[in-house]
Amino acid sequence: MIDYSSPSLVSVEEMNAFIGGAFGGNQNACEVMSFAMAVAVMYPSVASLRPGKIISGPTVFSICDAALFYAALSATGMEPMTLTSEMSIRFLRPARGEVIRARATLNSIGTRSIVGSVVAYTDDESKPVAVAQGTYARPKKNPAQ
């Protein structure tokens, strides 16, 4: 059972410093972290919008992926080679707004993989624009360590 009340192994500041350095030009940031949970936030650029000022599907997918990555590292510590293994998304309604957030919670934390669920929303968290589920593969541990 995952204890969501435990403190995150990575702080919001550490995560944002890592993301800013490793992924230059990144549009999203980590807003909230606790153990096995994270919220990612993005202020989409004009290039990320479709006609009618709807945030594009790939943009919504990317914020979901980012939130799940942040949640994974909140539970494992800084393992930058934790990689998306698979992710599926269901778009529920058009994503209209100036900002989009995604809240990820982990369902399972294993030695080789991490599974989590994500809810993406714009103005009102109770009216999600998408839900996603994904798996992250953890890096192999070097036996010499």
Protein backbone atom coordinates (compact mmCIF):
# COMPACT_ATOMS: atom_id res chain seq x y z
CA MET A 1 0.00 0.00 0.00
CA ILE A 2 1.33 3.43 -0.92
CA ASP A 3 1.55 5.95 1.92
CA TYR A 4 0.62 9.21 0.19
CA SER A 5 1.25 11.18 3.39
CA SER A 6 5.01 10.51 3.26
CA PRO A 7 7.21 13.40 2.15
CA SER A 8 8.39 13.57 -1.45
CA LEU A 9 11.95 12.38 -2.04
CA VAL A 10 12.44 15.34 -4.43
CA SER A 11 11.32 18.92 -3.76
CA VAL A 12 9.40 21.10 -6.21
CA GLU A 13 12.46 23.36 -6.43
CA GLU A 14 14.83 20.44 -7.15
CA MET A 15 12.47 19.09 -9.81
CA ASN A 16 12.07 22.42 -11.57
CA ALA A 17 15.83 23.04 -11.50
CA PHE A 18 16.42 19.60 -13.03
CA ILE A 19 13.72 20.04 -15.69
CA GLY A 20 14.98 23.53 -16.57
CA GLY A 21 18.52 22.25 -17.04
CA ALA A 22 17.82 18.91 -18.71
CA PHE A 23 14.98 19.98 -20.98
CA GLY A 24 15.69 23.53 -22.16
CA GLY A 25 12.66 25.29 -23.59
CA ASN A 26 10.30 23.11 -21.60
CA GLN A 27 6.87 24.71 -21.20
CA ASN A 28 5.75 22.94 -18.03
CA ALA A 29 6.76 23.04 -14.40
CA CYS A 30 6.10 21.08 -11.24
CA GLU A 31 3.68 22.95 -9.00
CA VAL A 32 3.02 20.50 -6.13
CA MET A 33 4.71 17.31 -4.95
CA SER A 34 4.17 14.82 -2.18
CA PHE A 35 5.12 11.16 -2.04
CA ALA A 36 3.59 9.38 -5.08
CA MET A 37 1.70 12.50 -6.24
CA ALA A 38 2.53 15.56 -8.30
CA VAL A 39 0.80 18.40 -10.12
CA ALA A 40 2.31 19.76 -13.32
CA VAL A 41 1.31 23.15 -14.72
CA MET A 42 1.68 24.63 -18.20
CA TYR A 43 0.82 27.98 -19.75
CA PRO A 44 0.47 26.90 -23.38
CA SER A 45 2.03 29.02 -26.11
CA VAL A 46 0.07 30.17 -29.15
CA ALA A 47 1.74 27.35 -31.09
CA SER A 48 0.05 24.86 -28.72
CA LEU A 49 -3.45 26.09 -29.51
CA ARG A 50 -5.92 24.84 -32.09
CA PRO A 51 -8.67 26.96 -33.68
CA GLY A 52 -11.03 28.25 -31.02
CA LYS A 53 -8.13 28.55 -28.56
CA ILE A 54 -8.38 24.86 -27.66
CA ILE A 55 -5.20 23.43 -26.17
CA SER A 56 -3.95 20.76 -28.59
CA GLY A 57 -4.11 17.05 -27.82
CA PRO A 58 -0.31 16.58 -27.95
CA THR A 59 0.04 19.43 -25.44
CA VAL A 60 -2.48 17.82 -23.08
CA PHE A 61 -0.67 14.49 -23.47
CA SER A 62 2.69 16.10 -22.68
CA ILE A 63 1.46 17.70 -19.43
CA CYS A 64 0.03 14.31 -18.36
CA ASP A 65 3.35 12.62 -19.13
CA ALA A 66 5.25 15.30 -17.21
CA ALA A 67 3.01 14.99 -14.15
CA LEU A 68 3.48 11.23 -14.06
CA PHE A 69 7.27 11.65 -14.39
CA TYR A 70 7.27 14.09 -11.45
CA ALA A 71 5.14 11.72 -9.35
CA ALA A 72 7.47 8.81 -10.18
CA LEU A 73 10.54 10.74 -9.04
CA SER A 74 8.72 11.89 -5.90
CA ALA A 75 8.71 8.23 -4.85
CA THR A 76 12.09 7.05 -6.16
CA GLY A 77 14.28 10.09 -5.73
CA MET A 78 16.18 11.63 -8.60
CA GLU A 79 16.36 8.77 -11.13
CA PRO A 80 16.52 10.83 -14.34
CA MET A 81 16.65 7.74 -16.56
CA THR A 82 13.16 6.72 -15.44
CA LEU A 83 11.46 6.56 -18.85
CA THR A 84 7.92 6.37 -20.16
CA SER A 85 7.21 2.75 -21.05
CA GLU A 86 3.59 3.20 -22.13
CA MET A 87 0.87 5.77 -21.73
CA SER A 88 -2.74 5.99 -22.85
CA ILE A 89 -5.04 8.98 -22.71
CA ARG A 90 -8.74 9.60 -23.03
CA PHE A 91 -9.79 13.09 -24.06
CA LEU A 92 -13.06 14.01 -22.34
CA ARG A 93 -13.79 17.55 -23.54
CA PRO A 94 -12.03 20.41 -25.31
CA ALA A 95 -9.24 21.91 -23.19
CA ARG A 96 -10.04 25.62 -23.15
CA GLY A 97 -8.14 28.00 -20.89
CA GLU A 98 -4.97 29.94 -20.31
CA VAL A 99 -3.43 27.26 -18.11
CA ILE A 100 -3.59 23.49 -17.91
CA ARG A 101 -2.72 21.31 -14.95
CA ALA A 102 -2.33 17.56 -14.53
CA ARG A 103 -2.49 15.72 -11.22
CA ALA A 104 -0.73 12.36 -11.17
CA THR A 105 -0.99 9.71 -8.47
CA LEU A 106 0.94 6.47 -8.42
CA ASN A 107 -0.90 3.17 -8.28
CA SER A 108 2.10 0.85 -8.03
CA ILE A 109 5.80 1.36 -7.30
CA GLY A 110 7.96 -1.61 -8.23
CA THR A 111 11.66 -2.19 -8.62
CA ARG A 112 11.37 -2.19 -12.44
CA SER A 113 8.21 -0.19 -13.18
CA ILE A 114 5.92 2.47 -11.79
CA VAL A 115 2.24 2.74 -12.76
CA GLY A 116 0.14 5.84 -12.28
CA SER A 117 -3.04 7.67 -13.20
CA VAL A 118 -3.41 11.30 -14.30
CA VAL A 119 -6.27 13.79 -14.47
CA ALA A 120 -5.76 16.89 -16.66
CA TYR A 121 -7.91 19.99 -16.18
CA THR A 122 -8.04 23.67 -17.04
CA ASP A 123 -10.25 25.90 -14.87
CA ASP A 124 -12.01 23.35 -12.69
CA GLU A 125 -10.41 20.13 -11.43
CA SER A 126 -13.87 18.59 -11.05
CA LYS A 127 -14.30 18.90 -14.86
CA PRO A 128 -11.31 17.05 -16.30
CA VAL A 129 -10.35 17.51 -19.95
CA ALA A 130 -8.49 14.19 -20.09
CA VAL A 131 -7.55 11.16 -18.03
CA ALA A 132 -4.43 9.11 -18.62
CA GLN A 133 -2.67 6.07 -17.27
CA GLY A 134 0.93 5.18 -17.82
CA THR A 135 3.90 3.08 -16.85
CA TYR A 136 7.45 4.26 -16.30
CA ALA A 137 10.42 1.91 -16.53
CA ARG A 138 13.02 2.43 -13.83
CA PRO A 139 16.72 2.24 -14.69
CA LYS A 140 18.56 -0.96 -13.89
CA LYS A 141 20.66 -0.78 -10.76
CA ASN A 142 24.36 -1.32 -11.33
CA PRO A 143 25.33 -4.34 -9.17
CA ALA A 144 28.67 -2.65 -8.43
CA GLN A 145 26.91 0.18 -6.58
